[in-house]
Amino acid sequence: MTVLTGVKAPFELTQYAIAIKQQGIDFAIRHYTHQAGKSLSLAEARALTDAGIQIGVVWETPDAHLSYFSRAQGCADGAAAYLMAQSVIAQPSGSAVYFAVDFHPGEAEIAGPVTRYFEGVNQAFGAASAAERQYQVGVYGSGACCAAMMAQGLASVSWLADETEDYGGYSLRQLDAAVLPVDDGQRISVRMACNSPERPAGLFRVL
């Protein structure tokens, strides 16, 4: 595998797909969320695919703190993300949905609420029948969080959120913010990312 260059964007990339591909972008991370206008749409997924850009997805709740994380919340988020992946995007089997732990929990917090949250996510994904699409569960967070969820088998791919951390087990690694020029003199603000050349990251294309 080679190292790919990606972006993470909290907004629709449909109109920018060709422009960012021309700047060497290989994949784009987009969202599954209850927030209107922030989630990946099928039209956007097709535009990215047509431009030659692979897609990654993350379930991320804004300003989620420790109190957000529980087994019940994991079940709810997992079910909602699975429904979007299968019914809205027709995301292919074997690809991943990442779930964000977008703060730095301590050891006890990882072992408690965060672990229970990912148990809930796995329960929701496991409820799919054998005839339905099967997705990998990914974790997006600190090195300690990624390592713990991977070690417990609660995630099969990990995305390191802090580029300064020394965690070698990642599939994706978030990098610095960047401003990319696009059509008509516009610029878009994104977070850069890269993959690991040693581990699949669960990226996909749509039909």
N, C-alpha and C. Protein backbone atom coordinates (compact mmCIF):
# COMPACT_ATOMS: atom_id res chain seq x y z
N MET A 1 0.83 -1.20 0.00
CA MET A 1 0.00 0.00 0.00
C MET A 1 0.86 1.24 0.00
N THR A 2 0.34 2.29 -0.55
CA THR A 2 1.05 3.57 -0.56
C THR A 2 0.39 4.52 0.43
N VAL A 3 1.11 5.57 0.77
CA VAL A 3 0.55 6.59 1.66
C VAL A 3 -0.33 7.51 0.82
N LEU A 4 -1.58 7.65 1.25
CA LEU A 4 -2.55 8.49 0.56
C LEU A 4 -2.75 9.78 1.33
N THR A 5 -3.13 10.81 0.61
CA THR A 5 -3.40 12.12 1.21
C THR A 5 -4.90 12.36 1.23
N GLY A 6 -5.41 12.77 2.41
CA GLY A 6 -6.83 12.97 2.53
C GLY A 6 -7.18 14.27 3.22
N VAL A 7 -8.48 14.57 3.20
CA VAL A 7 -9.02 15.73 3.91
C VAL A 7 -10.20 15.27 4.76
N LYS A 8 -10.42 15.97 5.85
CA LYS A 8 -11.63 15.82 6.65
C LYS A 8 -12.39 17.13 6.57
N ALA A 9 -13.65 17.05 6.15
CA ALA A 9 -14.44 18.27 5.96
C ALA A 9 -15.81 18.12 6.60
N PRO A 10 -16.26 19.13 7.37
CA PRO A 10 -17.58 19.09 7.98
C PRO A 10 -18.66 19.70 7.09
N PHE A 11 -18.38 19.78 5.78
CA PHE A 11 -19.33 20.37 4.85
C PHE A 11 -19.28 19.59 3.54
N GLU A 12 -20.29 19.80 2.71
CA GLU A 12 -20.41 19.06 1.46
C GLU A 12 -19.28 19.41 0.50
N LEU A 13 -18.75 18.37 -0.15
CA LEU A 13 -17.61 18.55 -1.06
C LEU A 13 -17.98 18.34 -2.53
N THR A 14 -19.26 18.16 -2.81
CA THR A 14 -19.69 17.82 -4.17
C THR A 14 -19.08 18.76 -5.21
N GLN A 15 -19.24 20.07 -5.00
CA GLN A 15 -18.79 21.03 -6.02
C GLN A 15 -17.28 21.21 -6.06
N TYR A 16 -16.59 20.67 -5.05
CA TYR A 16 -15.14 20.83 -4.99
C TYR A 16 -14.38 19.55 -5.36
N ALA A 17 -15.10 18.47 -5.66
CA ALA A 17 -14.47 17.16 -5.81
C ALA A 17 -13.36 17.17 -6.86
N ILE A 18 -13.64 17.69 -8.03
CA ILE A 18 -12.63 17.67 -9.10
C ILE A 18 -11.45 18.57 -8.73
N ALA A 19 -11.73 19.73 -8.16
CA ALA A 19 -10.67 20.67 -7.81
C ALA A 19 -9.72 20.10 -6.77
N ILE A 20 -10.26 19.42 -5.75
CA ILE A 20 -9.35 18.90 -4.73
C ILE A 20 -8.61 17.66 -5.22
N LYS A 21 -9.25 16.90 -6.12
CA LYS A 21 -8.53 15.75 -6.71
C LYS A 21 -7.33 16.24 -7.50
N GLN A 22 -7.49 17.35 -8.20
CA GLN A 22 -6.39 17.91 -9.00
C GLN A 22 -5.23 18.39 -8.12
N GLN A 23 -5.49 18.57 -6.82
CA GLN A 23 -4.45 18.97 -5.89
C GLN A 23 -3.84 17.78 -5.13
N GLY A 24 -4.14 16.59 -5.62
CA GLY A 24 -3.50 15.41 -5.04
C GLY A 24 -4.23 14.78 -3.88
N ILE A 25 -5.51 15.12 -3.70
CA ILE A 25 -6.28 14.52 -2.61
C ILE A 25 -6.80 13.15 -3.06
N ASP A 26 -6.50 12.13 -2.26
CA ASP A 26 -6.87 10.75 -2.60
C ASP A 26 -8.14 10.29 -1.91
N PHE A 27 -8.42 10.84 -0.71
CA PHE A 27 -9.63 10.42 0.00
C PHE A 27 -10.18 11.60 0.80
N ALA A 28 -11.47 11.50 1.10
CA ALA A 28 -12.16 12.53 1.88
C ALA A 28 -12.94 11.86 3.00
N ILE A 29 -12.80 12.39 4.20
CA ILE A 29 -13.56 11.91 5.36
C ILE A 29 -14.76 12.83 5.54
N ARG A 30 -15.93 12.22 5.53
CA ARG A 30 -17.16 12.97 5.72
C ARG A 30 -17.96 12.40 6.88
N HIS A 31 -19.08 12.99 7.19
CA HIS A 31 -19.80 12.66 8.41
C HIS A 31 -21.11 11.91 8.18
N TYR A 32 -21.43 11.06 9.14
CA TYR A 32 -22.79 10.61 9.37
C TYR A 32 -23.21 11.30 10.67
N THR A 33 -24.35 11.96 10.65
CA THR A 33 -24.77 12.73 11.81
C THR A 33 -26.25 13.05 11.69
N HIS A 34 -26.86 13.43 12.79
CA HIS A 34 -28.24 13.90 12.77
C HIS A 34 -28.34 15.36 12.32
N GLN A 35 -27.22 16.05 12.19
CA GLN A 35 -27.23 17.47 11.82
C GLN A 35 -27.52 17.65 10.33
N ALA A 36 -28.56 18.39 10.05
CA ALA A 36 -28.92 18.64 8.65
C ALA A 36 -27.80 19.40 7.94
N GLY A 37 -27.48 18.96 6.75
CA GLY A 37 -26.48 19.65 5.95
C GLY A 37 -25.05 19.22 6.19
N LYS A 38 -24.82 18.45 7.26
CA LYS A 38 -23.45 18.04 7.57
C LYS A 38 -23.16 16.62 7.09
N SER A 39 -24.20 15.81 6.94
CA SER A 39 -24.00 14.41 6.60
C SER A 39 -23.68 14.21 5.12
N LEU A 40 -22.92 13.18 4.86
CA LEU A 40 -22.64 12.74 3.49
C LEU A 40 -23.95 12.34 2.82
N SER A 41 -24.14 12.81 1.60
CA SER A 41 -25.31 12.42 0.80
C SER A 41 -24.86 11.46 -0.30
N LEU A 42 -25.83 10.76 -0.89
CA LEU A 42 -25.50 9.85 -1.97
C LEU A 42 -24.96 10.62 -3.18
N ALA A 43 -25.54 11.77 -3.47
CA ALA A 43 -25.05 12.57 -4.60
C ALA A 43 -23.60 12.99 -4.39
N GLU A 44 -23.28 13.36 -3.16
CA GLU A 44 -21.90 13.75 -2.85
C GLU A 44 -20.97 12.56 -2.95
N ALA A 45 -21.40 11.42 -2.44
CA ALA A 45 -20.56 10.21 -2.50
C ALA A 45 -20.28 9.83 -3.95
N ARG A 46 -21.28 9.98 -4.80
CA ARG A 46 -21.07 9.67 -6.23
C ARG A 46 -20.14 10.68 -6.88
N ALA A 47 -20.26 11.95 -6.50
CA ALA A 47 -19.38 12.98 -7.08
C ALA A 47 -17.93 12.73 -6.69
N LEU A 48 -17.71 12.37 -5.43
CA LEU A 48 -16.35 12.06 -4.98
C LEU A 48 -15.81 10.83 -5.70
N THR A 49 -16.63 9.79 -5.80
CA THR A 49 -16.21 8.57 -6.49
C THR A 49 -15.87 8.87 -7.95
N ASP A 50 -16.73 9.64 -8.61
CA ASP A 50 -16.49 9.96 -10.03
C ASP A 50 -15.21 10.76 -10.22
N ALA A 51 -14.82 11.54 -9.22
CA ALA A 51 -13.59 12.33 -9.29
C ALA A 51 -12.35 11.50 -8.94
N GLY A 52 -12.56 10.24 -8.54
CA GLY A 52 -11.44 9.38 -8.18
C GLY A 52 -11.01 9.51 -6.74
N ILE A 53 -11.89 10.01 -5.88
CA ILE A 53 -11.60 10.20 -4.46
C ILE A 53 -12.29 9.12 -3.64
N GLN A 54 -11.53 8.41 -2.83
CA GLN A 54 -12.12 7.44 -1.92
C GLN A 54 -12.80 8.17 -0.76
N ILE A 55 -13.70 7.47 -0.08
CA ILE A 55 -14.50 8.08 0.97
C ILE A 55 -14.29 7.33 2.29
N GLY A 56 -14.21 8.10 3.36
CA GLY A 56 -14.26 7.55 4.71
C GLY A 56 -15.36 8.28 5.46
N VAL A 57 -15.94 7.63 6.46
CA VAL A 57 -17.04 8.26 7.20
C VAL A 57 -16.82 8.14 8.70
N VAL A 58 -17.27 9.17 9.41
CA VAL A 58 -17.15 9.19 10.87
C VAL A 58 -18.47 9.68 11.46
N TRP A 59 -18.92 8.98 12.52
CA TRP A 59 -20.05 9.46 13.31
C TRP A 59 -19.48 10.34 14.40
N GLU A 60 -19.83 11.61 14.38
CA GLU A 60 -19.24 12.57 15.32
C GLU A 60 -20.32 13.51 15.83
N THR A 61 -20.46 13.56 17.14
CA THR A 61 -21.42 14.46 17.77
C THR A 61 -20.68 15.68 18.29
N PRO A 62 -21.08 16.89 17.89
CA PRO A 62 -20.36 18.10 18.33
C PRO A 62 -20.38 18.24 19.85
N ASP A 63 -19.24 18.63 20.38
CA ASP A 63 -19.12 18.93 21.82
C ASP A 63 -19.52 17.77 22.71
N ALA A 64 -19.26 16.55 22.26
CA ALA A 64 -19.56 15.38 23.09
C ALA A 64 -18.51 15.26 24.20
N HIS A 65 -18.97 15.26 25.44
CA HIS A 65 -18.10 15.10 26.59
C HIS A 65 -18.32 13.73 27.20
N LEU A 66 -17.64 13.46 28.28
CA LEU A 66 -17.68 12.13 28.89
C LEU A 66 -19.09 11.67 29.19
N SER A 67 -19.95 12.59 29.63
CA SER A 67 -21.31 12.21 30.01
C SER A 67 -22.12 11.69 28.82
N TYR A 68 -21.67 11.96 27.61
CA TYR A 68 -22.37 11.50 26.41
C TYR A 68 -22.23 9.98 26.24
N PHE A 69 -21.13 9.44 26.70
CA PHE A 69 -20.77 8.06 26.36
C PHE A 69 -21.41 7.05 27.32
N SER A 70 -22.16 6.13 26.72
CA SER A 70 -22.80 5.05 27.46
C SER A 70 -23.11 3.94 26.48
N ARG A 71 -23.45 2.77 27.00
CA ARG A 71 -23.81 1.66 26.11
C ARG A 71 -25.07 2.00 25.31
N ALA A 72 -26.05 2.61 25.97
CA ALA A 72 -27.29 2.96 25.28
C ALA A 72 -27.05 3.95 24.16
N GLN A 73 -26.17 4.95 24.41
CA GLN A 73 -25.85 5.93 23.36
C GLN A 73 -25.11 5.28 22.22
N GLY A 74 -24.23 4.35 22.54
CA GLY A 74 -23.52 3.61 21.50
C GLY A 74 -24.46 2.80 20.63
N CYS A 75 -25.46 2.17 21.26
CA CYS A 75 -26.47 1.43 20.49
C CYS A 75 -27.23 2.37 19.55
N ALA A 76 -27.64 3.53 20.09
CA ALA A 76 -28.40 4.48 19.28
C ALA A 76 -27.57 5.03 18.13
N ASP A 77 -26.34 5.44 18.42
CA ASP A 77 -25.48 5.99 17.37
C ASP A 77 -25.11 4.92 16.35
N GLY A 78 -24.82 3.71 16.83
CA GLY A 78 -24.48 2.63 15.92
C GLY A 78 -25.62 2.30 14.97
N ALA A 79 -26.85 2.25 15.51
CA ALA A 79 -28.01 1.95 14.67
C ALA A 79 -28.25 3.05 13.64
N ALA A 80 -28.10 4.32 14.07
CA ALA A 80 -28.31 5.44 13.14
C ALA A 80 -27.25 5.45 12.05
N ALA A 81 -25.99 5.22 12.44
CA ALA A 81 -24.91 5.21 11.46
C ALA A 81 -25.06 4.05 10.48
N TYR A 82 -25.43 2.89 11.00
CA TYR A 82 -25.62 1.73 10.13
C TYR A 82 -26.72 1.99 9.11
N LEU A 83 -27.81 2.61 9.57
CA LEU A 83 -28.92 2.89 8.67
C LEU A 83 -28.50 3.84 7.57
N MET A 84 -27.71 4.88 7.92
CA MET A 84 -27.23 5.81 6.91
C MET A 84 -26.30 5.10 5.92
N ALA A 85 -25.41 4.28 6.45
CA ALA A 85 -24.46 3.58 5.58
C ALA A 85 -25.16 2.66 4.61
N GLN A 86 -26.13 1.91 5.11
CA GLN A 86 -26.79 0.91 4.27
C GLN A 86 -27.87 1.52 3.38
N SER A 87 -28.75 2.31 3.98
CA SER A 87 -29.95 2.73 3.26
C SER A 87 -29.78 4.02 2.46
N VAL A 88 -28.91 4.91 2.93
CA VAL A 88 -28.73 6.20 2.24
C VAL A 88 -27.60 6.13 1.22
N ILE A 89 -26.44 5.61 1.64
CA ILE A 89 -25.23 5.63 0.81
C ILE A 89 -25.00 4.33 0.06
N ALA A 90 -25.57 3.22 0.56
CA ALA A 90 -25.25 1.88 0.04
C ALA A 90 -23.74 1.65 0.13
N GLN A 91 -23.20 2.02 1.28
CA GLN A 91 -21.77 1.82 1.55
C GLN A 91 -21.44 0.33 1.43
N PRO A 92 -20.39 -0.02 0.72
CA PRO A 92 -20.11 -1.44 0.49
C PRO A 92 -19.68 -2.19 1.74
N SER A 93 -20.04 -3.46 1.80
CA SER A 93 -19.63 -4.32 2.91
C SER A 93 -18.12 -4.35 3.03
N GLY A 94 -17.67 -4.43 4.27
CA GLY A 94 -16.23 -4.50 4.54
C GLY A 94 -15.59 -3.16 4.78
N SER A 95 -16.26 -2.07 4.39
CA SER A 95 -15.73 -0.74 4.67
C SER A 95 -16.08 -0.36 6.12
N ALA A 96 -15.59 0.78 6.56
CA ALA A 96 -15.66 1.12 7.99
C ALA A 96 -16.52 2.36 8.23
N VAL A 97 -17.08 2.40 9.44
CA VAL A 97 -17.66 3.62 9.99
C VAL A 97 -16.90 3.92 11.27
N TYR A 98 -16.25 5.08 11.34
CA TYR A 98 -15.51 5.49 12.53
C TYR A 98 -16.46 6.20 13.50
N PHE A 99 -16.20 6.02 14.78
CA PHE A 99 -16.97 6.69 15.83
C PHE A 99 -16.00 7.53 16.66
N ALA A 100 -16.35 8.79 16.83
CA ALA A 100 -15.43 9.76 17.41
C ALA A 100 -15.49 9.81 18.93
N VAL A 101 -14.31 9.84 19.53
CA VAL A 101 -14.13 10.18 20.94
C VAL A 101 -13.23 11.40 20.92
N ASP A 102 -13.84 12.55 20.70
CA ASP A 102 -13.08 13.75 20.33
C ASP A 102 -12.66 14.57 21.55
N PHE A 103 -12.07 13.88 22.52
CA PHE A 103 -11.43 14.53 23.66
C PHE A 103 -10.40 13.53 24.18
N HIS A 104 -9.68 13.87 25.23
CA HIS A 104 -8.63 12.99 25.73
C HIS A 104 -9.07 12.33 27.03
N PRO A 105 -9.79 11.22 26.96
CA PRO A 105 -10.22 10.55 28.19
C PRO A 105 -9.05 9.90 28.91
N GLY A 106 -9.15 9.84 30.23
CA GLY A 106 -8.14 9.14 31.02
C GLY A 106 -8.36 7.64 30.98
N GLU A 107 -7.45 6.93 31.62
CA GLU A 107 -7.50 5.46 31.59
C GLU A 107 -8.83 4.92 32.13
N ALA A 108 -9.27 5.47 33.26
CA ALA A 108 -10.52 5.00 33.86
C ALA A 108 -11.72 5.35 32.98
N GLU A 109 -11.67 6.50 32.32
CA GLU A 109 -12.77 6.90 31.44
C GLU A 109 -12.83 6.03 30.20
N ILE A 110 -11.67 5.64 29.69
CA ILE A 110 -11.63 4.73 28.54
C ILE A 110 -12.18 3.36 28.93
N ALA A 111 -11.76 2.87 30.10
CA ALA A 111 -12.20 1.55 30.56
C ALA A 111 -13.67 1.52 30.92
N GLY A 112 -14.24 2.69 31.26
CA GLY A 112 -15.64 2.76 31.67
C GLY A 112 -16.55 3.20 30.55
N PRO A 113 -16.96 4.48 30.53
CA PRO A 113 -17.97 4.94 29.57
C PRO A 113 -17.60 4.76 28.10
N VAL A 114 -16.34 4.98 27.75
CA VAL A 114 -15.97 4.87 26.33
C VAL A 114 -16.08 3.42 25.87
N THR A 115 -15.59 2.50 26.69
CA THR A 115 -15.71 1.08 26.34
C THR A 115 -17.17 0.67 26.22
N ARG A 116 -18.00 1.10 27.15
CA ARG A 116 -19.43 0.74 27.08
C ARG A 116 -20.08 1.32 25.83
N TYR A 117 -19.67 2.51 25.45
CA TYR A 117 -20.19 3.12 24.22
C TYR A 117 -19.87 2.23 23.01
N PHE A 118 -18.63 1.79 22.89
CA PHE A 118 -18.25 0.97 21.75
C PHE A 118 -18.86 -0.43 21.83
N GLU A 119 -19.14 -0.91 23.02
CA GLU A 119 -19.90 -2.16 23.14
C GLU A 119 -21.29 -1.97 22.53
N GLY A 120 -21.89 -0.81 22.79
CA GLY A 120 -23.19 -0.51 22.21
C GLY A 120 -23.16 -0.40 20.70
N VAL A 121 -22.14 0.26 20.18
CA VAL A 121 -21.99 0.37 18.72
C VAL A 121 -21.89 -1.02 18.10
N ASN A 122 -21.06 -1.87 18.69
CA ASN A 122 -20.89 -3.23 18.17
C ASN A 122 -22.18 -4.03 18.27
N GLN A 123 -22.94 -3.82 19.33
CA GLN A 123 -24.22 -4.50 19.47
C GLN A 123 -25.16 -4.10 18.34
N ALA A 124 -25.19 -2.80 18.03
CA ALA A 124 -26.06 -2.32 16.95
C ALA A 124 -25.62 -2.88 15.60
N PHE A 125 -24.33 -2.87 15.33
CA PHE A 125 -23.83 -3.41 14.06
C PHE A 125 -24.07 -4.92 13.99
N GLY A 126 -23.94 -5.59 15.14
CA GLY A 126 -24.12 -7.04 15.17
C GLY A 126 -25.56 -7.47 14.96
N ALA A 127 -26.49 -6.54 15.11
CA ALA A 127 -27.91 -6.86 14.93
C ALA A 127 -28.28 -7.03 13.47
N ALA A 128 -27.41 -6.61 12.56
CA ALA A 128 -27.68 -6.77 11.13
C ALA A 128 -27.69 -8.26 10.78
N SER A 129 -28.58 -8.64 9.91
CA SER A 129 -28.65 -10.05 9.50
C SER A 129 -27.49 -10.38 8.57
N ALA A 130 -27.27 -11.67 8.39
CA ALA A 130 -26.16 -12.11 7.53
C ALA A 130 -26.35 -11.65 6.09
N ALA A 131 -27.60 -11.40 5.69
CA ALA A 131 -27.87 -10.97 4.32
C ALA A 131 -27.64 -9.48 4.12
N GLU A 132 -27.51 -8.73 5.22
CA GLU A 132 -27.30 -7.29 5.11
C GLU A 132 -25.82 -6.97 5.03
N ARG A 133 -25.52 -5.72 4.66
CA ARG A 133 -24.13 -5.32 4.57
C ARG A 133 -23.47 -5.33 5.95
N GLN A 134 -22.22 -5.73 5.98
CA GLN A 134 -21.46 -5.80 7.23
C GLN A 134 -20.35 -4.76 7.19
N TYR A 135 -20.25 -3.96 8.26
CA TYR A 135 -19.28 -2.87 8.30
C TYR A 135 -18.31 -3.05 9.46
N GLN A 136 -17.11 -2.54 9.27
CA GLN A 136 -16.13 -2.50 10.35
C GLN A 136 -16.43 -1.31 11.26
N VAL A 137 -16.20 -1.49 12.55
CA VAL A 137 -16.29 -0.40 13.50
C VAL A 137 -14.91 0.23 13.64
N GLY A 138 -14.84 1.54 13.47
CA GLY A 138 -13.58 2.26 13.64
C GLY A 138 -13.66 3.21 14.82
N VAL A 139 -12.51 3.50 15.41
CA VAL A 139 -12.44 4.45 16.52
C VAL A 139 -11.61 5.65 16.07
N TYR A 140 -12.08 6.85 16.38
CA TYR A 140 -11.37 8.10 16.10
C TYR A 140 -11.11 8.77 17.44
N GLY A 141 -9.85 8.92 17.81
CA GLY A 141 -9.57 9.52 19.10
C GLY A 141 -8.08 9.52 19.41
N SER A 142 -7.78 9.63 20.70
CA SER A 142 -6.40 9.66 21.16
C SER A 142 -5.72 8.31 20.96
N GLY A 143 -4.41 8.30 21.06
CA GLY A 143 -3.68 7.05 20.91
C GLY A 143 -4.10 6.02 21.95
N ALA A 144 -4.28 6.46 23.20
CA ALA A 144 -4.69 5.54 24.26
C ALA A 144 -6.08 4.98 23.99
N CYS A 145 -6.96 5.82 23.52
CA CYS A 145 -8.32 5.38 23.21
C CYS A 145 -8.32 4.40 22.04
N CYS A 146 -7.60 4.74 20.99
CA CYS A 146 -7.51 3.85 19.84
C CYS A 146 -6.93 2.49 20.23
N ALA A 147 -5.84 2.52 20.99
CA ALA A 147 -5.19 1.28 21.38
C ALA A 147 -6.11 0.40 22.22
N ALA A 148 -6.85 1.01 23.14
CA ALA A 148 -7.74 0.24 24.02
C ALA A 148 -8.88 -0.39 23.25
N MET A 149 -9.52 0.35 22.36
CA MET A 149 -10.64 -0.22 21.60
C MET A 149 -10.16 -1.31 20.65
N MET A 150 -8.99 -1.14 20.07
CA MET A 150 -8.44 -2.16 19.18
C MET A 150 -8.08 -3.42 19.98
N ALA A 151 -7.48 -3.24 21.14
CA ALA A 151 -7.05 -4.38 21.95
C ALA A 151 -8.24 -5.20 22.43
N GLN A 152 -9.36 -4.56 22.69
CA GLN A 152 -10.55 -5.26 23.15
C GLN A 152 -11.41 -5.82 22.02
N GLY A 153 -10.98 -5.59 20.80
CA GLY A 153 -11.75 -6.06 19.66
C GLY A 153 -13.02 -5.28 19.42
N LEU A 154 -13.12 -4.08 20.00
CA LEU A 154 -14.30 -3.24 19.82
C LEU A 154 -14.18 -2.33 18.60
N ALA A 155 -13.00 -2.28 18.01
CA ALA A 155 -12.77 -1.57 16.76
C ALA A 155 -11.74 -2.37 15.97
N SER A 156 -11.88 -2.35 14.66
CA SER A 156 -10.91 -3.07 13.82
C SER A 156 -10.03 -2.13 13.01
N VAL A 157 -10.37 -0.84 13.03
CA VAL A 157 -9.54 0.19 12.40
C VAL A 157 -9.52 1.40 13.33
N SER A 158 -8.43 2.16 13.31
CA SER A 158 -8.32 3.31 14.21
C SER A 158 -7.79 4.52 13.46
N TRP A 159 -8.25 5.68 13.92
CA TRP A 159 -7.89 6.96 13.31
C TRP A 159 -7.38 7.85 14.44
N LEU A 160 -6.09 8.15 14.40
CA LEU A 160 -5.45 8.94 15.43
C LEU A 160 -5.77 10.41 15.21
N ALA A 161 -6.44 11.02 16.20
CA ALA A 161 -6.93 12.38 16.06
C ALA A 161 -5.85 13.44 16.29
N ASP A 162 -4.81 13.09 17.03
CA ASP A 162 -3.77 14.07 17.40
C ASP A 162 -2.47 13.71 16.67
N GLU A 163 -2.09 14.57 15.75
CA GLU A 163 -0.90 14.27 14.93
C GLU A 163 0.39 14.27 15.73
N THR A 164 0.36 14.80 16.97
CA THR A 164 1.59 14.86 17.77
C THR A 164 1.84 13.59 18.58
N GLU A 165 0.83 12.70 18.65
CA GLU A 165 0.98 11.50 19.47
C GLU A 165 1.79 10.42 18.76
N ASP A 166 2.46 9.63 19.54
CA ASP A 166 3.27 8.53 19.02
C ASP A 166 2.52 7.22 19.21
N TYR A 167 1.59 6.96 18.31
CA TYR A 167 0.82 5.71 18.32
C TYR A 167 0.93 5.10 16.94
N GLY A 168 1.57 3.96 16.85
CA GLY A 168 1.87 3.38 15.55
C GLY A 168 0.82 2.46 14.99
N GLY A 169 -0.27 2.24 15.72
CA GLY A 169 -1.26 1.27 15.28
C GLY A 169 -2.38 1.85 14.44
N TYR A 170 -2.24 3.07 13.99
CA TYR A 170 -3.34 3.73 13.30
C TYR A 170 -3.52 3.24 11.87
N SER A 171 -4.76 3.35 11.38
CA SER A 171 -5.06 3.19 9.97
C SER A 171 -5.11 4.54 9.27
N LEU A 172 -5.61 5.56 10.00
CA LEU A 172 -5.61 6.94 9.53
C LEU A 172 -4.98 7.81 10.60
N ARG A 173 -4.38 8.90 10.16
CA ARG A 173 -3.77 9.85 11.09
C ARG A 173 -4.17 11.26 10.68
N GLN A 174 -4.75 12.01 11.61
CA GLN A 174 -5.12 13.39 11.32
C GLN A 174 -3.88 14.27 11.35
N LEU A 175 -3.83 15.24 10.42
CA LEU A 175 -2.70 16.16 10.32
C LEU A 175 -3.19 17.59 10.52
N ASP A 176 -2.38 18.53 10.15
CA ASP A 176 -2.69 19.94 10.38
C ASP A 176 -3.87 20.44 9.54
N ALA A 177 -4.41 21.55 9.95
CA ALA A 177 -5.43 22.23 9.15
C ALA A 177 -4.77 22.82 7.91
N ALA A 178 -5.58 22.99 6.86
CA ALA A 178 -5.06 23.56 5.62
C ALA A 178 -6.18 24.32 4.92
N VAL A 179 -5.78 25.23 4.06
CA VAL A 179 -6.73 25.97 3.22
C VAL A 179 -6.42 25.62 1.77
N LEU A 180 -7.41 25.07 1.07
CA LEU A 180 -7.21 24.64 -0.31
C LEU A 180 -7.94 25.57 -1.27
N PRO A 181 -7.27 26.02 -2.31
CA PRO A 181 -7.96 26.82 -3.33
C PRO A 181 -8.84 25.91 -4.18
N VAL A 182 -10.05 26.38 -4.48
CA VAL A 182 -10.96 25.62 -5.34
C VAL A 182 -11.43 26.54 -6.47
N ASP A 183 -12.56 26.23 -7.07
CA ASP A 183 -13.01 26.97 -8.25
C ASP A 183 -13.37 28.42 -7.93
N ASP A 184 -13.24 29.26 -8.94
CA ASP A 184 -13.68 30.66 -8.87
C ASP A 184 -13.02 31.45 -7.75
N GLY A 185 -11.76 31.08 -7.43
CA GLY A 185 -11.03 31.82 -6.42
C GLY A 185 -11.45 31.54 -4.99
N GLN A 186 -12.35 30.59 -4.79
CA GLN A 186 -12.76 30.24 -3.44
C GLN A 186 -11.67 29.43 -2.74
N ARG A 187 -11.75 29.40 -1.43
CA ARG A 187 -10.86 28.56 -0.63
C ARG A 187 -11.70 27.83 0.41
N ILE A 188 -11.31 26.61 0.73
CA ILE A 188 -12.00 25.83 1.75
C ILE A 188 -11.02 25.43 2.85
N SER A 189 -11.49 25.46 4.08
CA SER A 189 -10.68 25.08 5.24
C SER A 189 -10.99 23.63 5.61
N VAL A 190 -9.96 22.81 5.67
CA VAL A 190 -10.11 21.39 5.96
C VAL A 190 -9.01 20.95 6.92
N ARG A 191 -9.16 19.77 7.46
CA ARG A 191 -8.07 19.11 8.18
C ARG A 191 -7.46 18.07 7.26
N MET A 192 -6.16 18.05 7.17
CA MET A 192 -5.49 17.05 6.35
C MET A 192 -5.37 15.74 7.12
N ALA A 193 -5.19 14.67 6.38
CA ALA A 193 -5.05 13.34 6.97
C ALA A 193 -4.20 12.48 6.04
N CYS A 194 -3.71 11.39 6.58
CA CYS A 194 -3.01 10.39 5.76
C CYS A 194 -3.38 9.01 6.27
N ASN A 195 -3.14 8.02 5.45
CA ASN A 195 -3.38 6.64 5.88
C ASN A 195 -2.07 6.00 6.28
N SER A 196 -2.16 4.81 6.86
CA SER A 196 -0.97 4.00 7.12
C SER A 196 -0.74 3.10 5.91
N PRO A 197 0.48 3.01 5.42
CA PRO A 197 0.73 2.12 4.29
C PRO A 197 0.66 0.64 4.68
N GLU A 198 0.56 0.38 5.98
CA GLU A 198 0.58 -0.99 6.47
C GLU A 198 -0.79 -1.55 6.82
N ARG A 199 -1.82 -0.68 6.93
CA ARG A 199 -3.12 -1.13 7.40
C ARG A 199 -4.25 -0.55 6.55
N PRO A 200 -5.20 -1.40 6.14
CA PRO A 200 -6.38 -0.89 5.45
C PRO A 200 -7.15 0.06 6.37
N ALA A 201 -7.81 1.06 5.79
CA ALA A 201 -8.49 2.06 6.58
C ALA A 201 -10.01 2.02 6.42
N GLY A 202 -10.52 1.07 5.66
CA GLY A 202 -11.96 0.96 5.49
C GLY A 202 -12.56 2.00 4.59
N LEU A 203 -11.76 2.58 3.69
CA LEU A 203 -12.26 3.57 2.74
C LEU A 203 -13.06 2.86 1.65
N PHE A 204 -13.88 3.64 0.93
CA PHE A 204 -14.74 3.00 -0.07
C PHE A 204 -15.07 3.95 -1.21
N ARG A 205 -15.66 3.37 -2.25
CA ARG A 205 -16.27 4.10 -3.35
C ARG A 205 -17.69 3.59 -3.50
N VAL A 206 -18.56 4.35 -4.13
CA VAL A 206 -19.93 3.91 -4.35
C VAL A 206 -20.16 3.68 -5.85
N LEU A 207 -21.22 2.98 -6.16
CA LEU A 207 -21.58 2.72 -7.56
C LEU A 207 -22.34 3.88 -8.15
